[in-house]
Protein backbone atom coordinates (compact mmCIF):
# COMPACT_ATOMS: atom_id res chain seq x y z
CA MET A 1 98.94 93.62 84.44
CA CYS A 2 99.84 97.33 85.19
CA CYS A 3 103.17 98.92 85.99
CA HIS A 4 102.04 102.52 85.52
CA ASP A 5 103.30 105.72 87.04
CA SER A 6 106.50 104.09 88.45
CA THR A 7 110.11 104.33 88.28
CA PHE A 8 111.13 100.98 86.48
CA SER A 9 114.80 100.25 85.90
CA VAL A 10 116.04 97.63 83.59
CA ARG A 11 116.79 95.58 86.62
CA GLY A 12 113.28 95.84 87.83
CA ILE A 13 111.82 94.67 84.50
CA ARG A 14 114.41 91.70 84.62
CA ILE A 15 113.07 90.79 88.05
CA ILE A 16 109.47 90.59 87.13
CA GLN A 17 110.28 88.97 83.72
CA PRO A 18 110.00 85.33 84.94
CA ALA A 19 106.77 85.95 86.69
CA LEU A 20 105.29 87.68 83.43
CA LEU A 21 106.37 84.77 81.20
CA ARG A 22 104.41 82.38 83.49
CA LEU A 23 101.08 84.33 82.89
CA SER A 24 99.27 82.72 79.95
CA ARG A 25 95.98 84.48 80.37
CA LEU A 26 97.19 88.07 80.45
CA GLU A 27 95.26 90.22 77.92
CA LYS A 28 96.80 93.82 78.59
CA LEU A 29 100.33 94.79 79.70
CA ARG A 30 100.24 98.38 80.76
CA MET A 31 103.54 100.23 81.42
CA PHE A 32 102.29 103.87 81.39
CA GLU A 33 104.80 106.39 82.47
CA SER A 34 107.09 103.92 83.93
CA SER A 35 110.51 105.72 83.41
CA ILE A 36 111.29 102.85 80.72
CA ASP A 37 114.34 103.86 78.67
CA VAL A 38 115.89 102.43 75.55
CA ASN A 39 117.31 99.46 77.70
CA GLY A 40 113.96 98.96 79.40
CA ALA A 41 112.38 98.85 75.87
CA ARG A 42 114.63 96.16 74.75
CA VAL A 43 113.73 93.88 77.68
CA VAL A 44 110.12 94.59 77.21
CA GLY A 45 110.69 93.40 73.45
CA GLU A 46 112.24 90.20 74.56
CA ILE A 47 109.48 89.53 77.09
CA LEU A 48 106.93 89.90 74.26
CA GLU A 49 108.93 87.82 71.78
CA ASN A 50 109.40 84.98 74.38
CA TRP A 51 105.87 84.93 75.84
CA PRO A 52 104.04 81.70 75.80
CA SER A 53 101.16 81.48 73.44
CA PRO A 54 98.71 83.26 73.69
CA ALA A 55 100.70 86.52 74.20
CA PRO A 56 99.02 89.77 75.80
CA ARG A 57 96.66 91.32 73.05
CA LYS A 58 97.38 94.85 74.14
CA VAL A 59 100.76 96.41 75.15
CA TYR A 60 100.70 100.10 76.35
CA LEU A 61 104.17 101.82 76.64
CA ARG A 62 102.93 105.39 76.32
CA ASN A 63 104.50 108.38 77.92
CA ASN A 64 108.01 106.54 78.40
CA ALA A 65 111.09 108.24 76.93
CA ILE A 66 112.19 105.25 74.76
CA GLY A 67 112.64 107.21 71.50
CA ASN A 68 113.20 105.64 68.03
CA ASP A 69 115.70 103.29 69.18
CA GLY A 70 113.44 101.96 72.12
CA ALA A 71 110.46 101.83 69.75
CA ALA A 72 112.48 99.91 67.01
CA LEU A 73 113.74 97.33 69.53
CA VAL A 74 109.96 96.64 70.62
CA LEU A 75 108.63 96.67 67.01
CA SER A 76 111.37 94.34 65.87
CA LYS A 77 110.44 91.86 68.41
CA ILE A 78 106.59 91.71 67.84
CA THR A 79 106.59 91.09 63.87
CA ALA A 80 105.74 87.44 64.66
CA VAL A 81 103.86 87.73 67.92
CA PRO A 82 100.55 86.35 66.36
CA HIS A 83 97.69 87.54 68.70
CA LEU A 84 98.96 91.00 69.39
CA GLU A 85 96.26 93.63 68.51
CA LEU A 86 97.68 96.85 69.85
CA VAL A 87 100.96 98.55 70.73
CA SER A 88 100.51 102.05 72.00
CA LEU A 89 103.67 104.05 71.65
CA LEU A 90 101.87 107.49 72.28
CA ASN A 91 104.13 110.26 73.48
CA THR A 92 107.35 108.13 73.51
CA GLY A 93 109.66 110.55 71.83
CA VAL A 94 109.46 109.10 68.40
CA ASP A 95 110.16 110.96 65.16
CA ASP A 96 110.81 110.43 61.67
CA GLY A 97 113.67 108.41 62.64
CA ILE A 98 111.43 105.38 63.31
CA LEU A 99 110.81 104.84 59.52
CA PRO A 100 113.29 101.94 59.10
CA ALA A 101 111.61 100.13 61.98
CA MET A 102 108.14 100.72 60.72
CA LEU A 103 109.11 99.58 57.10
CA GLU A 104 110.27 96.40 58.62
CA LEU A 105 107.22 95.91 60.73
CA VAL A 106 104.62 96.44 57.76
CA GLU A 107 106.68 94.17 55.42
CA LYS A 108 107.20 91.28 57.95
CA ARG A 109 103.85 91.28 59.67
CA ILE A 110 101.54 89.53 57.29
CA MET A 111 98.88 86.86 57.87
CA CYS A 112 98.55 87.60 61.54
CA THR A 113 95.85 89.04 63.56
CA PRO A 114 95.48 92.84 62.45
CA LEU A 115 97.98 95.20 64.55
CA ARG A 116 97.26 98.67 65.55
CA VAL A 117 100.22 100.83 66.38
CA GLU A 118 99.39 104.10 68.13
CA LEU A 119 101.91 106.89 67.55
CA HIS A 120 99.89 109.86 68.66
CA ALA A 121 101.48 112.78 70.23
CA ASN A 122 105.00 112.00 68.76
CA GLN A 123 106.71 114.14 65.81
CA ILE A 124 106.18 112.17 62.58
CA SER A 125 105.94 114.04 59.14
CA ARG A 126 103.18 113.35 56.51
CA SER A 127 106.14 112.23 54.22
CA THR A 128 107.14 109.57 56.58
CA LEU A 129 103.55 108.38 56.66
CA ASP A 130 103.56 108.28 52.84
CA LYS A 131 106.82 106.26 52.72
CA ILE A 132 105.25 103.65 55.01
CA ALA A 133 102.10 103.39 53.09
CA SER A 134 103.94 102.98 49.80
CA ALA A 135 106.13 100.10 51.27
CA MET A 136 102.92 98.44 52.86
CA PRO A 137 102.06 95.11 51.25
CA LYS A 138 98.31 94.66 50.49
CA THR A 139 98.57 91.52 53.08
CA SER A 140 100.02 93.70 55.81
CA GLY A 141 98.11 93.29 58.93
CA VAL A 142 99.42 96.64 60.39
CA ILE A 143 97.25 99.71 61.00
CA ILE A 144 99.10 102.96 62.12
CA GLU A 145 97.36 105.74 63.89
CA TYR A 146 98.88 109.22 64.05
CA GLY A 147 97.14 112.39 64.77
CA HIS A 148 94.64 112.85 62.05
CA TYR A 149 95.59 110.02 59.86
CA TYR A 150 95.43 106.10 59.34
CA VAL A 151 97.96 104.39 57.42
CA LYS A 152 96.41 100.96 56.28
CA ASN A 153 96.10 98.94 53.08
CA GLY A 154 98.94 100.89 51.43
CA ALA A 155 97.53 104.18 51.66
CA VAL A 156 97.24 107.32 54.12
CA GLU A 157 93.61 108.16 54.94
CA PRO A 158 92.26 111.03 56.84
CA ARG A 159 90.84 110.13 60.07
CA ASN A 160 87.43 111.53 60.55
CA VAL A 161 84.41 111.13 62.70
CA SER A 162 83.04 108.29 60.57
CA ASN A 163 86.01 106.08 61.25
CA TRP A 164 86.77 106.83 64.75
CA HIS A 165 86.65 103.57 66.56
CA ALA A 166 85.55 102.41 69.85
CA THR A 167 87.50 100.18 71.85
CA ASP A 168 86.42 96.61 72.71
CA THR A 169 83.26 96.12 74.69
CA THR A 170 84.22 95.41 78.35
CA GLU A 171 82.75 92.43 80.37
CA GLN A 172 80.10 94.87 81.84
CA ASP A 173 79.08 95.71 78.09
CA GLN A 174 80.30 99.21 78.56
CA ARG A 175 81.15 100.72 75.24
CA GLU A 176 84.11 103.07 75.34
CA MET A 177 85.46 105.66 72.91
CA VAL A 178 89.03 106.50 73.63
CA LEU A 179 90.33 109.38 71.52
CA GLN A 180 93.04 110.71 73.68
CA ASN A 181 95.87 112.72 71.90
CA TYR A 182 94.04 112.45 68.76
CA GLY A 183 94.37 116.19 67.53
CA ILE A 184 90.60 116.79 67.83
CA VAL A 185 89.72 120.50 67.48
CA SER A 186 86.42 122.26 68.28
CA GLU A 187 85.18 122.28 64.86
CA GLU A 188 84.83 118.53 64.83
CA MET A 189 82.78 118.26 67.96
CA GLU A 190 79.39 118.65 66.27
CA GLN A 191 80.39 115.45 64.26
CA LEU A 192 81.59 113.66 67.41
CA THR A 193 78.49 114.16 69.47
CA ALA A 194 76.32 112.75 66.75
CA GLN A 195 78.21 109.44 67.17
CA LEU A 196 77.64 109.08 70.86
CA GLU A 197 74.32 107.17 70.68
CA HIS A 198 75.74 104.08 72.23
CA THR A 199 78.79 105.40 74.02
CA LEU A 200 79.23 105.15 77.85
CA VAL A 201 82.71 106.19 78.34
CA LEU A 202 84.19 109.08 76.27
CA ASN A 203 87.85 109.87 76.66
CA ILE A 204 88.79 113.04 74.59
CA GLY A 205 91.66 114.11 76.93
CA TRP A 206 94.78 115.91 75.63
CA ASN A 207 93.12 117.48 72.47
CA ALA A 208 92.19 120.83 71.33
CA VAL A 209 88.46 120.94 72.17
CA HIS A 210 88.67 124.44 73.70
CA ARG A 211 85.78 126.25 75.30
CA GLU A 212 83.72 126.38 71.93
CA GLY A 213 83.85 122.66 71.60
CA THR A 214 83.11 121.98 75.25
CA ALA A 215 79.82 124.15 74.78
CA VAL A 216 78.94 122.05 71.69
CA LEU A 217 79.27 118.85 73.73
CA ALA A 218 77.34 120.31 76.66
CA ARG A 219 74.49 121.04 74.40
CA SER A 220 74.58 117.59 73.32
CA LEU A 221 74.31 116.33 76.77
CA VAL A 222 71.04 117.74 77.34
CA THR A 223 69.41 114.95 75.34
CA ASN A 224 72.09 112.34 76.06
CA SER A 225 70.97 109.87 78.77
CA ILE A 226 73.51 107.03 77.77
CA LEU A 227 77.06 108.63 78.55
CA GLN A 228 78.10 107.70 82.06
CA ALA A 229 81.95 109.00 82.08
CA LEU A 230 83.58 111.75 80.38
CA VAL A 231 87.31 112.78 80.35
CA LEU A 232 88.13 116.40 79.20
CA SER A 233 91.75 116.68 80.52
CA ASP A 234 93.96 119.17 78.96
CA ASN A 235 91.58 120.76 76.41
CA GLY A 236 91.56 124.43 77.01
CA VAL A 237 88.11 124.21 78.41
CA GLY A 238 88.29 127.54 80.08
CA ARG A 239 85.70 129.42 82.12
CA CYS A 240 83.04 129.41 79.49
CA GLY A 241 83.39 125.58 78.76
CA PHE A 242 83.35 124.71 82.44
CA VAL A 243 80.17 126.78 82.94
CA ALA A 244 78.41 125.28 80.20
CA MET A 245 79.08 121.87 81.48
CA ALA A 246 78.12 122.79 84.94
CA LYS A 247 74.70 123.99 83.86
CA VAL A 248 73.86 120.86 81.97
CA LEU A 249 74.92 118.73 84.96
CA VAL A 250 72.78 120.77 87.27
CA GLN A 251 69.80 121.36 85.04
CA SER A 252 69.37 118.45 82.63
CA ASN A 253 71.82 115.56 82.54
CA SER A 254 71.45 112.84 85.18
CA SER A 255 73.27 110.03 83.53
CA LEU A 256 76.76 111.47 83.77
CA GLN A 257 78.51 109.91 86.91
CA TRP A 258 82.13 110.76 86.11
CA VAL A 259 83.56 114.00 84.66
CA GLU A 260 87.24 114.86 84.60
CA PHE A 261 88.59 118.35 84.02
CA PHE A 262 92.31 117.57 84.88
CA GLU A 263 94.89 119.90 83.62
CA ASN A 264 92.44 122.73 82.34
CA ARG A 265 93.31 126.36 83.44
CA ILE A 266 89.73 127.33 84.71
CA PHE A 267 89.94 129.29 88.00
CA ASP A 268 93.17 131.01 87.73
CA LEU A 269 92.79 132.22 84.07
CA PRO A 270 93.48 136.07 83.48
CA ASP A 271 90.65 138.21 82.26
CA ASP A 272 90.07 137.62 78.51
CA ALA A 273 87.94 139.71 76.37
CA SER A 274 87.19 136.73 74.18
CA ASP A 275 85.75 134.71 77.08
CA SER A 276 82.55 136.32 78.34
CA THR A 277 82.34 134.23 81.51
CA SER A 278 83.61 136.21 84.56
CA ALA A 279 85.72 134.57 87.33
CA ALA A 280 82.84 135.24 89.83
CA GLU A 281 80.34 133.46 87.61
CA CYS A 282 82.76 130.54 87.23
CA VAL A 283 83.20 130.03 90.92
CA ASP A 284 79.40 130.53 91.30
CA HIS A 285 78.81 127.67 88.95
CA LEU A 286 81.22 125.51 90.75
CA ARG A 287 79.10 126.11 93.82
CA MET A 288 75.99 124.93 92.04
CA LEU A 289 77.60 121.96 90.80
CA LEU A 290 78.90 120.74 93.97
CA SER A 291 75.62 121.22 95.73
CA GLY A 292 72.98 120.45 93.11
CA SER A 293 74.35 118.12 90.27
CA LEU A 294 71.64 115.49 89.28
CA GLY A 295 73.78 112.45 89.06
CA LEU A 296 77.32 113.27 89.17
CA LYS A 297 79.48 111.03 91.55
CA TYR A 298 83.04 111.72 90.75
CA LEU A 299 84.33 115.52 89.87
CA GLY A 300 87.81 115.91 88.76
CA LEU A 301 89.08 119.42 89.22
CA ALA A 302 93.01 118.73 89.67
CA LYS A 303 95.12 121.12 88.13
CA THR A 304 92.48 123.64 87.32
CA GLY A 305 93.96 126.67 89.25
CA LEU A 306 92.03 126.30 92.59
CA GLY A 307 93.46 128.12 95.55
CA ASP A 308 92.52 129.24 99.00
CA ARG A 309 90.10 131.90 97.45
CA GLU A 310 87.82 129.27 96.21
CA CYS A 311 87.86 126.93 99.25
CA PRO A 312 85.21 128.78 101.20
CA VAL A 313 82.67 128.57 98.26
CA ILE A 314 83.53 124.73 98.06
CA SER A 315 83.13 124.21 101.77
CA GLU A 316 79.86 126.22 101.77
CA ALA A 317 78.48 123.96 98.78
CA LEU A 318 79.52 120.85 100.47
CA SER A 319 77.95 121.82 103.70
CA VAL A 320 74.43 122.28 102.26
CA ASN A 321 74.63 118.44 101.72
CA LYS A 322 72.36 118.25 98.77
CA GLY A 323 74.69 117.21 96.02
CA SER A 324 75.32 113.71 94.52
CA ILE A 325 79.23 113.86 94.33
CA THR A 326 80.90 111.08 96.33
CA PHE A 327 84.54 111.58 95.27
CA LEU A 328 85.82 115.13 94.86
CA ASN A 329 89.47 115.44 93.34
CA LEU A 330 91.15 118.76 94.07
CA SER A 331 94.63 117.66 93.70
CA HIS A 332 97.50 119.46 91.90
CA ASN A 333 96.33 122.83 92.89
CA ASP A 334 97.40 125.75 95.11
CA ILE A 335 95.49 124.94 98.43
CA GLY A 336 97.23 126.00 101.49
CA ASP A 337 96.47 125.62 105.13
CA ASP A 338 93.60 128.30 105.18
CA GLY A 339 92.05 126.50 102.40
CA ALA A 340 92.27 123.22 103.79
CA ILE A 341 90.90 124.31 107.06
CA SER A 342 87.79 125.76 105.25
CA LEU A 343 87.43 122.60 103.31
CA ALA A 344 87.49 120.59 106.46
CA SER A 345 84.44 122.41 107.70
CA GLY A 346 82.32 121.49 104.56
CA ILE A 347 83.67 118.00 104.30
CA GLU A 348 82.66 117.31 107.97
CA GLN A 349 79.15 118.40 107.39
CA ASN A 350 78.65 116.64 104.06
CA THR A 351 77.14 113.04 104.43
CA VAL A 352 77.47 112.02 100.79
CA LEU A 353 81.15 112.61 100.10
CA HIS A 354 83.34 109.56 100.81
CA SER A 355 86.56 110.46 99.13
CA VAL A 356 88.74 113.60 98.78
CA ASP A 357 92.14 114.18 96.95
CA VAL A 358 93.85 116.96 98.20
CA SER A 359 97.40 115.69 97.33
CA GLN A 360 100.08 117.84 95.57
CA ASN A 361 98.79 121.15 97.11
CA ALA A 362 100.44 123.40 99.63
CA ILE A 363 98.93 122.12 102.69
CA GLY A 364 101.06 122.47 105.92
CA LYS A 365 100.78 120.71 109.13
CA LYS A 366 97.76 122.96 110.39
CA GLY A 367 95.66 122.27 107.32
CA ALA A 368 96.38 118.59 107.25
CA ALA A 369 95.52 118.45 111.01
CA ALA A 370 92.06 120.05 110.33
CA ILE A 371 91.30 117.59 107.52
CA ALA A 372 92.14 114.67 109.94
CA GLU A 373 90.01 116.03 112.69
CA CYS A 374 87.08 116.25 110.31
CA ALA A 375 87.73 112.76 109.12
CA ASN A 376 87.70 111.44 112.63
CA ASN A 377 84.61 113.44 113.62
CA ARG A 378 82.77 111.48 110.72
CA GLU A 379 84.39 108.21 111.77
CA ASP A 380 81.48 107.35 114.03
CA SER A 381 78.87 108.57 112.01
CA ASP A 382 76.52 106.54 109.39
CA THR A 383 78.59 108.04 106.55
CA PRO A 384 82.35 107.90 107.54
CA LEU A 385 84.96 109.07 105.10
CA ARG A 386 86.74 106.13 103.27
CA CYS A 387 89.79 107.96 101.94
CA VAL A 388 91.45 111.34 102.02
CA PHE A 389 94.62 111.59 99.71
CA VAL A 390 97.20 114.09 101.13
CA ALA A 391 100.47 112.96 99.27
CA LYS A 392 103.06 115.58 98.19
CA ASN A 393 101.99 118.58 100.39
CA HIS A 394 104.09 120.90 102.61
CA PHE A 395 103.81 119.14 106.00
CA LYS A 396 106.81 117.07 107.00
CA GLY A 397 106.86 113.50 108.42
CA ASP A 398 104.58 110.60 107.91
CA VAL A 399 100.84 110.97 107.33
CA ARG A 400 100.38 108.66 110.50
CA GLN A 401 101.28 111.70 112.76
CA PHE A 402 97.72 112.98 112.15
CA SER A 403 96.08 109.97 113.61
CA SER A 404 93.47 109.43 111.02
CA PRO A 405 93.03 106.02 109.43
CA CYS A 406 91.38 107.39 106.37
CA LEU A 407 94.44 109.76 105.45
CA THR A 408 96.75 108.28 102.93
CA ASP A 409 99.98 109.46 101.43
CA THR A 410 99.13 108.42 97.95
CA GLY A 411 97.11 110.14 95.12
CA PHE A 412 94.99 109.46 92.12
CA THR A 413 96.85 108.17 89.03
CA TYR A 414 95.62 109.92 85.82
CA ASP A 415 97.25 107.67 83.25
CA PHE A 416 95.15 104.82 84.58
CA VAL A 417 91.84 106.73 84.17
CA LEU A 418 89.80 103.96 82.24
CA PRO A 419 90.27 101.14 84.88
CA ALA A 420 89.47 103.63 87.62
CA ILE A 421 86.20 104.49 85.71
CA HIS A 422 85.26 100.97 85.41
CA ALA A 423 85.83 100.38 89.14
CA PHE A 424 83.95 103.33 90.01
CA LEU A 425 80.93 102.94 87.87
């Protein structure tokens, strides 16, 4: 069950509590970025404590501001939940003050299913990890993951490529390596790429791979015919890293179907002597990627610094109608009416593209009307547009004013990327 990217009050969680407790086959409870505070965390803990067996195996509370008190309330309730395998408290405002709750957890949770506690993207010192390890019984079933460290079997162990784990294989037998917020740096990419022999989905978002590490990854993809989805969100990819990826996707790699560049400054970067790639070269490779990728289906360029100046190039590339991309994500950028009008022309001529996300830009009524018109013009074709996301732009009123059935006032949710990849692939 997923309650991600929403505003959940304590009252809201209380309302769904009876329904949750009637679910006996739920394996994952996802409450990503749901505005859960310390009081909400208390209710979540009570739900887990009282869940009929078997309880969910995995609980995700990441990106909620529950802090030490909220995390402690959850941890205190799960010491005896036997089948729980994972609690993700990534980016929840936890710091060294979580020590008492962690000590209680490692001491009490014994002879149960091994439990992983993810604490990445918080503020925990090495000395706190050492204290947890020293208090951990040999029979403790708790494994703590934080940054570059594991705490398990009474010791703090460095996390390296050889012990980075892949998550459970899905029903479609897709192996996933999820290393989001793990503190990966560019120097580790050579080792990481050597471990991708059987990996279908690689999520290394929110790390420090930077342009050098992205270039290493791109070189490995020349001979990798297994990887199908790649998430590079917020890694400092830069112009050089983007161009390296674009080249391999146009010239060599046909297996990658999903590539996400979300929250990497690429197209609005100032000139940098340390980055030999010019802005013009970067835009030119964007054109080539849109018009000539070998197998790419989804291209995520949200929050990459795109604006009206790049839209004519995007439109021209789409109008060539030779690419493989079916879903183009341009959300969270600075595209206005002029850019939207230009995009509309290319989208109308493209018969491959079926979904476009331009939500959270600066598009006004004229730009939205142009996109709606292009969507309506494709409605009677053999390849109509399925969906155009236009939420949170600068036009007033309901999206229905544009009289296009495929326009919607929602947008793509980035904290729910793995299920989206599964559905897409």
